[in-house]
C-alpha atoms as a PDB file:
ATOM      1  CA  UNK A   1      -1.993  32.134  26.825  1.00  0.00           C
ATOM      2  CA  UNK A   2       0.999  32.845  23.959  1.00  0.00           C
ATOM      3  CA  UNK A   3      -0.199  29.805  21.681  1.00  0.00           C
ATOM      4  CA  UNK A   4      -3.402  31.108  20.169  1.00  0.00           C
ATOM      5  CA  UNK A   5      -3.370  30.494  16.265  1.00  0.00           C
ATOM      6  CA  UNK A   6      -4.636  26.946  15.165  1.00  0.00           C
ATOM      7  CA  UNK A   7      -3.532  25.864  11.598  1.00  0.00           C
ATOM      8  CA  UNK A   8      -5.472  24.040   8.741  1.00  0.00           C
ATOM      9  CA  UNK A   9      -4.278  21.986   5.828  1.00  0.00           C
ATOM     10  CA  UNK A  10      -4.987  23.390   2.188  1.00  0.00           C
ATOM     11  CA  UNK A  11      -9.122  23.779   0.977  1.00  0.00           C
ATOM     12  CA  UNK A  12      -9.797  22.267   4.677  1.00  0.00           C
ATOM     13  CA  UNK A  13     -11.612  23.236   7.717  1.00  0.00           C
ATOM     14  CA  UNK A  14     -11.051  20.053   9.609  1.00  0.00           C
ATOM     15  CA  UNK A  15      -9.178  20.553  12.971  1.00  0.00           C
ATOM     16  CA  UNK A  16      -5.605  18.665  12.700  1.00  0.00           C
ATOM     17  CA  UNK A  17      -5.089  16.296  15.771  1.00  0.00           C
ATOM     18  CA  UNK A  18      -1.925  18.522  16.979  1.00  0.00           C
ATOM     19  CA  UNK A  19      -4.045  21.472  17.756  1.00  0.00           C
ATOM     20  CA  UNK A  20      -6.517  19.852  20.261  1.00  0.00           C
ATOM     21  CA  UNK A  21      -4.077  20.666  22.732  1.00  0.00           C
ATOM     22  CA  UNK A  22      -3.731  24.173  22.220  1.00  0.00           C
ATOM     23  CA  UNK A  23      -7.834  24.229  21.864  1.00  0.00           C
ATOM     24  CA  UNK A  24      -8.194  22.423  25.228  1.00  0.00           C
ATOM     25  CA  UNK A  25      -5.865  24.900  27.092  1.00  0.00           C
ATOM     26  CA  UNK A  26      -7.971  27.492  25.561  1.00  0.00           C
ATOM     27  CA  UNK A  27     -10.851  25.584  26.577  1.00  0.00           C
ATOM     28  CA  UNK A  28      -9.782  25.467  30.316  1.00  0.00           C
ATOM     29  CA  UNK A  29      -9.485  29.303  30.320  1.00  0.00           C
ATOM     30  CA  UNK A  30     -12.663  30.103  29.102  1.00  0.00           C
ATOM     31  CA  UNK A  31     -14.424  27.847  31.323  1.00  0.00           C
ATOM     32  CA  UNK A  32     -12.373  29.095  34.470  1.00  0.00           C
ATOM     33  CA  UNK A  33     -13.670  32.816  33.740  1.00  0.00           C
ATOM     34  CA  UNK A  34     -17.290  33.007  31.823  1.00  0.00           C
ATOM     35  CA  UNK A  35     -15.769  37.006  32.028  1.00  0.00           C
ATOM     36  CA  UNK A  36     -13.347  36.431  29.102  1.00  0.00           C
ATOM     37  CA  UNK A  37     -14.721  36.641  25.381  1.00  0.00           C
ATOM     38  CA  UNK A  38     -12.640  35.518  22.455  1.00  0.00           C
ATOM     39  CA  UNK A  39     -12.974  36.415  18.750  1.00  0.00           C
ATOM     40  CA  UNK A  40     -12.327  33.134  16.238  1.00  0.00           C
ATOM     41  CA  UNK A  41     -10.631  34.936  13.510  1.00  0.00           C
ATOM     42  CA  UNK A  42     -10.544  32.731  10.210  1.00  0.00           C
ATOM     43  CA  UNK A  43      -8.038  33.218   7.499  1.00  0.00           C
ATOM     44  CA  UNK A  44      -7.246  31.426   4.026  1.00  0.00           C
ATOM     45  CA  UNK A  45      -4.208  31.573   1.928  1.00  0.00           C
ATOM     46  CA  UNK A  46      -4.363  33.993  -1.452  1.00  0.00           C
ATOM     47  CA  UNK A  47      -5.329  31.297  -3.450  1.00  0.00           C
ATOM     48  CA  UNK A  48      -9.328  31.518  -4.768  1.00  0.00           C
ATOM     49  CA  UNK A  49     -11.606  33.926  -4.999  1.00  0.00           C
ATOM     50  CA  UNK A  50     -12.938  36.363  -2.301  1.00  0.00           C
ATOM     51  CA  UNK A  51     -16.154  34.936  -1.701  1.00  0.00           C
ATOM     52  CA  UNK A  52     -15.019  31.307  -1.626  1.00  0.00           C
ATOM     53  CA  UNK A  53     -12.162  32.746   0.720  1.00  0.00           C
ATOM     54  CA  UNK A  54     -14.505  33.823   3.044  1.00  0.00           C
ATOM     55  CA  UNK A  55     -16.471  31.522   3.598  1.00  0.00           C
ATOM     56  CA  UNK A  56     -13.904  29.043   4.024  1.00  0.00           C
ATOM     57  CA  UNK A  57     -12.647  31.364   6.677  1.00  0.00           C
ATOM     58  CA  UNK A  58     -16.120  30.954   8.146  1.00  0.00           C
ATOM     59  CA  UNK A  59     -15.796  27.590   8.254  1.00  0.00           C
ATOM     60  CA  UNK A  60     -12.601  27.349  10.091  1.00  0.00           C
ATOM     61  CA  UNK A  61     -13.617  29.761  12.638  1.00  0.00           C
ATOM     62  CA  UNK A  62     -16.828  27.711  13.073  1.00  0.00           C
ATOM     63  CA  UNK A  63     -14.647  24.429  13.339  1.00  0.00           C
ATOM     64  CA  UNK A  64     -13.015  26.144  16.086  1.00  0.00           C
ATOM     65  CA  UNK A  65     -15.880  27.211  18.031  1.00  0.00           C
ATOM     66  CA  UNK A  66     -17.654  24.449  17.822  1.00  0.00           C
ATOM     67  CA  UNK A  67     -14.768  22.356  19.466  1.00  0.00           C
ATOM     68  CA  UNK A  68     -14.395  25.089  21.785  1.00  0.00           C
ATOM     69  CA  UNK A  69     -18.027  24.683  22.242  1.00  0.00           C
ATOM     70  CA  UNK A  70     -17.922  20.430  22.869  1.00  0.00           C
ATOM     71  CA  UNK A  71     -15.322  21.628  25.321  1.00  0.00           C
ATOM     72  CA  UNK A  72     -17.633  23.474  27.443  1.00  0.00           C
ATOM     73  CA  UNK A  73     -17.585  27.026  26.571  1.00  0.00           C
ATOM     74  CA  UNK A  74     -20.204  28.898  26.530  1.00  0.00           C
ATOM     75  CA  UNK A  75     -21.438  30.585  22.807  1.00  0.00           C
ATOM     76  CA  UNK A  76     -22.173  33.453  24.829  1.00  0.00           C
ATOM     77  CA  UNK A  77     -18.464  33.903  25.102  1.00  0.00           C
ATOM     78  CA  UNK A  78     -17.535  33.351  21.057  1.00  0.00           C
ATOM     79  CA  UNK A  79     -17.647  35.484  17.648  1.00  0.00           C
ATOM     80  CA  UNK A  80     -16.266  33.556  14.941  1.00  0.00           C
ATOM     81  CA  UNK A  81     -15.654  35.667  11.850  1.00  0.00           C
ATOM     82  CA  UNK A  82     -13.546  35.208   8.455  1.00  0.00           C
ATOM     83  CA  UNK A  83     -11.155  37.725   6.991  1.00  0.00           C
ATOM     84  CA  UNK A  84     -10.416  35.243   4.151  1.00  0.00           C
ATOM     85  CA  UNK A  85      -7.433  36.145   2.579  1.00  0.00           C
ATOM     86  CA  UNK A  86      -7.449  39.414   3.274  1.00  0.00           C
ATOM     87  CA  UNK A  87      -5.057  39.804   6.464  1.00  0.00           C
ATOM     88  CA  UNK A  88      -2.426  37.219   5.715  1.00  0.00           C
ATOM     89  CA  UNK A  89       0.136  36.885   8.832  1.00  0.00           C
ATOM     90  CA  UNK A  90       2.984  36.491   6.430  1.00  0.00           C
ATOM     91  CA  UNK A  91       3.429  38.149   2.609  1.00  0.00           C
ATOM     92  CA  UNK A  92       3.784  36.003  -0.472  1.00  0.00           C
ATOM     93  CA  UNK A  93       2.983  33.017  -2.303  1.00  0.00           C
ATOM     94  CA  UNK A  94       5.206  30.669  -1.217  1.00  0.00           C
ATOM     95  CA  UNK A  95       4.222  27.387   0.185  1.00  0.00           C
ATOM     96  CA  UNK A  96       5.894  28.543   3.854  1.00  0.00           C
ATOM     97  CA  UNK A  97       3.712  31.727   3.320  1.00  0.00           C
ATOM     98  CA  UNK A  98       0.640  30.037   2.600  1.00  0.00           C
ATOM     99  CA  UNK A  99       0.637  27.284   5.417  1.00  0.00           C
ATOM    100  CA  UNK A 100       1.291  30.669   8.157  1.00  0.00           C
ATOM    101  CA  UNK A 101      -1.889  32.157   6.451  1.00  0.00           C
ATOM    102  CA  UNK A 102      -4.450  29.078   6.689  1.00  0.00           C
ATOM    103  CA  UNK A 103      -5.279  29.867  10.244  1.00  0.00           C
ATOM    104  CA  UNK A 104      -7.919  30.490  12.943  1.00  0.00           C
ATOM    105  CA  UNK A 105      -6.405  33.120  15.302  1.00  0.00           C
ATOM    106  CA  UNK A 106      -7.872  32.993  19.053  1.00  0.00           C
ATOM    107  CA  UNK A 107      -8.211  36.711  20.381  1.00  0.00           C
ATOM    108  CA  UNK A 108      -9.331  37.712  23.849  1.00  0.00           C
ATOM    109  CA  UNK A 109     -11.122  40.647  24.274  1.00  0.00           C
END
């Protein structure tokens, strides 16, 4: 699947309504092939301390994991991890860059 990024609002781990179709599509794919595994990688923007951002990134990854689980994906197919602010998708501190960095990446293994 081409689209594999769920974006979040500032200081939030609540999944946006517009992300639901993306999560549902990944759930269908994962349910269809029990051999597939995903890493749900939580990220934050650069604001906040390291520990806080690691925690927020984990909450974001866990939120996507829970959503996939509620849609029937087996827990054994998913791993939720946090990178906090350590791996920005877009460098810089503009609002546009920070919006791109508040995310969970769904990476198939």
